[in-house]
Protein backbone atom coordinates (compact mmCIF):
# COMPACT_ATOMS: atom_id res chain seq x y z
CA MET A 1 -171.49 -26.92 -126.85
CA LYS A 2 -172.13 -29.62 -129.42
CA LYS A 3 -170.74 -33.14 -129.09
CA SER A 4 -169.42 -34.91 -132.19
CA LEU A 5 -171.26 -38.14 -132.97
CA GLY A 6 -169.12 -39.00 -136.00
CA PRO A 7 -170.18 -39.62 -139.59
CA ARG A 8 -173.50 -41.47 -139.55
CA THR A 9 -177.13 -41.10 -140.45
CA ILE A 10 -179.38 -39.94 -137.67
CA PRO A 11 -183.11 -39.94 -138.34
CA PHE A 12 -183.88 -36.31 -137.72
CA PRO A 13 -187.55 -36.08 -138.56
CA ALA A 14 -188.04 -37.35 -142.11
CA PRO A 15 -191.30 -37.59 -144.02
CA VAL A 16 -192.80 -41.06 -144.33
CA TRP A 17 -193.42 -42.02 -147.94
CA VAL A 18 -194.63 -45.17 -149.69
CA VAL A 19 -192.88 -46.08 -152.94
CA GLY A 20 -195.01 -48.07 -155.37
CA SER A 21 -193.77 -50.31 -158.17
CA TYR A 22 -194.66 -53.43 -160.13
CA ASP A 23 -192.48 -56.52 -159.85
CA ALA A 24 -191.40 -58.74 -162.76
CA ALA A 25 -194.71 -60.65 -162.60
CA GLY A 26 -196.75 -57.43 -162.66
CA ARG A 27 -197.73 -57.61 -158.97
CA PRO A 28 -197.98 -54.26 -157.18
CA ASN A 29 -195.49 -53.74 -154.36
CA MET A 30 -195.40 -50.99 -151.76
CA MET A 31 -192.32 -50.05 -149.76
CA THR A 32 -192.13 -47.64 -146.86
CA ALA A 33 -189.23 -45.23 -147.22
CA SER A 34 -187.89 -42.15 -145.50
CA TRP A 35 -184.86 -41.57 -147.71
CA VAL A 36 -186.93 -39.61 -150.20
CA GLY A 37 -186.93 -35.92 -151.02
CA ILE A 38 -187.70 -33.25 -153.58
CA CYS A 39 -184.52 -32.56 -155.54
CA CYS A 40 -185.37 -30.29 -158.50
CA SER A 41 -187.96 -27.67 -159.49
CA ARG A 42 -187.66 -27.77 -163.29
CA PRO A 43 -188.43 -30.40 -164.17
CA PRO A 44 -190.11 -31.26 -160.87
CA CYS A 45 -188.20 -34.23 -159.44
CA ILE A 46 -188.06 -36.39 -156.35
CA ALA A 47 -185.18 -38.65 -155.32
CA VAL A 48 -185.64 -42.07 -153.74
CA SER A 49 -182.63 -43.91 -152.28
CA LEU A 50 -182.88 -47.70 -152.01
CA ARG A 51 -180.43 -50.45 -151.12
CA GLN A 52 -179.76 -52.85 -153.97
CA GLY A 53 -181.01 -55.78 -151.87
CA ARG A 54 -184.49 -54.29 -151.53
CA TYR A 55 -187.21 -55.93 -153.56
CA SER A 56 -188.34 -52.56 -154.91
CA HIS A 57 -184.86 -51.74 -156.25
CA ALA A 58 -185.08 -54.23 -159.14
CA ASN A 59 -188.64 -53.10 -159.87
CA LEU A 60 -187.58 -49.47 -160.37
CA VAL A 61 -184.66 -50.53 -162.55
CA ALA A 62 -186.82 -52.80 -164.73
CA ARG A 63 -189.89 -50.57 -165.03
CA GLY A 64 -188.22 -47.15 -165.07
CA ALA A 65 -191.09 -45.77 -163.03
CA PHE A 66 -192.44 -45.47 -159.50
CA THR A 67 -195.00 -43.62 -157.44
CA VAL A 68 -194.55 -41.90 -154.12
CA SER A 69 -197.69 -41.99 -152.00
CA VAL A 70 -198.26 -39.78 -148.99
CA PRO A 71 -199.92 -41.77 -146.21
CA SER A 72 -201.97 -40.22 -143.43
CA ARG A 73 -201.76 -41.07 -139.73
CA GLU A 74 -204.76 -43.39 -139.95
CA HIS A 75 -202.57 -45.79 -141.95
CA VAL A 76 -199.50 -45.75 -139.69
CA LYS A 77 -199.88 -49.45 -138.75
CA VAL A 78 -199.98 -50.56 -142.40
CA VAL A 79 -197.12 -48.26 -143.37
CA ASP A 80 -194.97 -49.61 -140.53
CA TYR A 81 -195.83 -53.19 -141.55
CA TRP A 82 -194.82 -52.45 -145.15
CA GLY A 83 -191.45 -51.27 -143.84
CA ILE A 84 -190.93 -54.46 -141.85
CA VAL A 85 -191.89 -57.10 -144.45
CA SER A 86 -190.50 -57.60 -147.95
CA GLY A 87 -192.76 -58.00 -150.98
CA ARG A 88 -190.36 -60.75 -152.03
CA ASP A 89 -191.67 -62.89 -149.17
CA GLU A 90 -195.27 -61.83 -148.76
CA ASP A 91 -198.16 -60.10 -150.56
CA LYS A 92 -198.19 -57.02 -148.33
CA LEU A 93 -201.22 -55.49 -150.00
CA ALA A 94 -203.40 -58.57 -149.52
CA ARG A 95 -202.44 -58.80 -145.86
CA SER A 96 -203.07 -55.10 -145.22
CA GLY A 97 -206.43 -55.03 -147.00
CA LEU A 98 -205.57 -51.92 -149.01
CA THR A 99 -205.89 -51.73 -152.77
CA THR A 100 -203.90 -50.00 -155.46
CA ALA A 101 -204.76 -47.97 -158.50
CA ARG A 102 -202.80 -48.11 -161.74
CA SER A 103 -201.15 -44.86 -162.76
CA ALA A 104 -202.31 -43.66 -166.18
CA LEU A 105 -198.96 -41.94 -166.72
CA VAL A 106 -196.26 -44.35 -165.52
CA ASP A 107 -195.84 -48.11 -165.15
CA ALA A 108 -196.41 -48.12 -161.38
CA PRO A 109 -199.26 -48.47 -158.86
CA TYR A 110 -200.24 -46.25 -155.97
CA VAL A 111 -202.31 -46.74 -152.83
CA ALA A 112 -205.88 -45.69 -153.56
CA ALA A 113 -206.70 -44.89 -149.91
CA PHE A 114 -203.75 -42.55 -149.33
CA PRO A 115 -204.50 -38.82 -149.67
CA ALA A 116 -201.81 -37.90 -152.23
CA VAL A 117 -199.49 -39.46 -154.80
CA MET A 118 -196.70 -38.36 -157.14
CA GLU A 119 -196.36 -40.33 -160.38
CA CYS A 120 -192.73 -40.49 -161.53
CA ARG A 121 -190.59 -41.79 -164.34
CA VAL A 122 -186.94 -42.53 -163.60
CA LEU A 123 -184.69 -39.86 -165.13
CA HIS A 124 -181.37 -40.76 -163.50
CA THR A 125 -179.83 -43.36 -161.23
CA LEU A 126 -176.76 -42.72 -159.15
CA GLU A 127 -174.81 -45.38 -157.28
CA LEU A 128 -173.95 -43.82 -153.92
CA GLY A 129 -172.39 -46.77 -152.05
CA SER A 130 -174.86 -48.81 -150.05
CA HIS A 131 -177.79 -47.15 -151.86
CA THR A 132 -178.87 -46.31 -155.39
CA GLN A 133 -180.57 -42.96 -155.79
CA PHE A 134 -183.41 -42.94 -158.31
CA VAL A 135 -184.30 -39.45 -159.49
CA GLY A 136 -187.83 -39.43 -160.78
CA GLU A 137 -189.48 -36.71 -162.81
CA ILE A 138 -192.86 -35.99 -161.23
CA LEU A 139 -195.33 -36.21 -164.11
CA ASP A 140 -198.38 -35.57 -161.96
CA VAL A 141 -199.43 -35.00 -158.35
CA LYS A 142 -202.88 -36.24 -157.37
CA VAL A 143 -204.57 -35.17 -154.12
CA ASP A 144 -207.98 -36.16 -152.78
CA GLU A 145 -210.29 -33.22 -153.57
CA ALA A 146 -211.71 -33.21 -150.04
CA LEU A 147 -208.22 -32.35 -148.73
CA LEU A 148 -207.70 -29.26 -150.87
CA GLY A 149 -208.03 -25.83 -149.34
CA SER A 150 -209.97 -22.92 -150.81
CA ASP A 151 -206.80 -21.97 -152.74
CA GLY A 152 -206.77 -25.36 -154.51
CA GLN A 153 -203.62 -26.47 -152.67
CA PRO A 154 -203.34 -29.37 -150.19
CA ASP A 155 -204.47 -28.51 -146.66
CA PHE A 156 -201.57 -30.02 -144.73
CA ASP A 157 -203.47 -30.26 -141.45
CA ARG A 158 -206.22 -32.32 -143.10
CA LEU A 159 -203.64 -34.55 -144.81
CA ALA A 160 -202.72 -35.75 -141.28
CA LEU A 161 -199.05 -36.31 -142.13
CA PHE A 162 -196.52 -37.98 -139.88
CA VAL A 163 -192.73 -38.19 -139.81
CA TYR A 164 -190.15 -40.77 -138.79
CA ALA A 165 -187.54 -40.09 -136.09
CA ASP A 166 -186.92 -43.58 -134.62
CA GLU A 167 -190.67 -43.41 -133.95
CA TYR A 168 -193.60 -41.88 -135.79
CA ARG A 169 -194.57 -38.33 -134.88
CA ALA A 170 -197.52 -36.23 -135.96
CA VAL A 171 -197.10 -33.12 -138.08
CA GLY A 172 -199.42 -30.21 -137.61
CA GLY A 173 -199.87 -26.56 -136.92
CA ILE A 174 -198.31 -23.53 -138.53
CA VAL A 175 -195.11 -22.23 -136.92
CA ALA A 176 -194.73 -19.17 -139.17
CA GLN A 177 -195.45 -17.98 -142.69
CA ALA A 178 -192.66 -18.92 -145.12
CA PHE A 179 -190.96 -16.15 -147.09
CA SER A 180 -192.55 -13.67 -144.71
CA ILE A 181 -191.43 -13.99 -141.10
CA GLY A 182 -187.79 -13.49 -142.10
CA LYS A 183 -188.62 -10.02 -143.38
CA GLU A 184 -188.98 -8.98 -139.74
CA ILE A 185 -185.21 -9.19 -139.26
């Protein structure tokens, strides 16, 4: 039997992403976010939901662009720090010691040390209530070559991903082959 918990958000495991943008002065800013997800295949799009009070919110509105970096477990401390501190109050990049690279496609930075990044231009914004959802068209996905498998696709075990569920948890191991195991039914 299931117990009703009422209408609320519960952090079932969610990927941990880092949203990159430039502020009004052109300084790079990185924000840790879990309210991010793929939302369209054609064109390829990802949605990022931010509260209006967040420093990154104004950056996305002004620049019409953002990046979504995929951090690995080795950077969990930095990623957590970036979720705790606002770029409005502190230069998070300087404190963390990580550097950014400038996207050649959109007006946004990404974290050079992270294994993968999606470069996005804002296609739509939707006011949802406490959050604004920014739908970004993914113009390119860049992955460190050393983390690609023999098929040219990212090797998810070597990416060393982690998820958020009120704590950070490792991702790894294959459970079953998609679009295959269901054929057994």
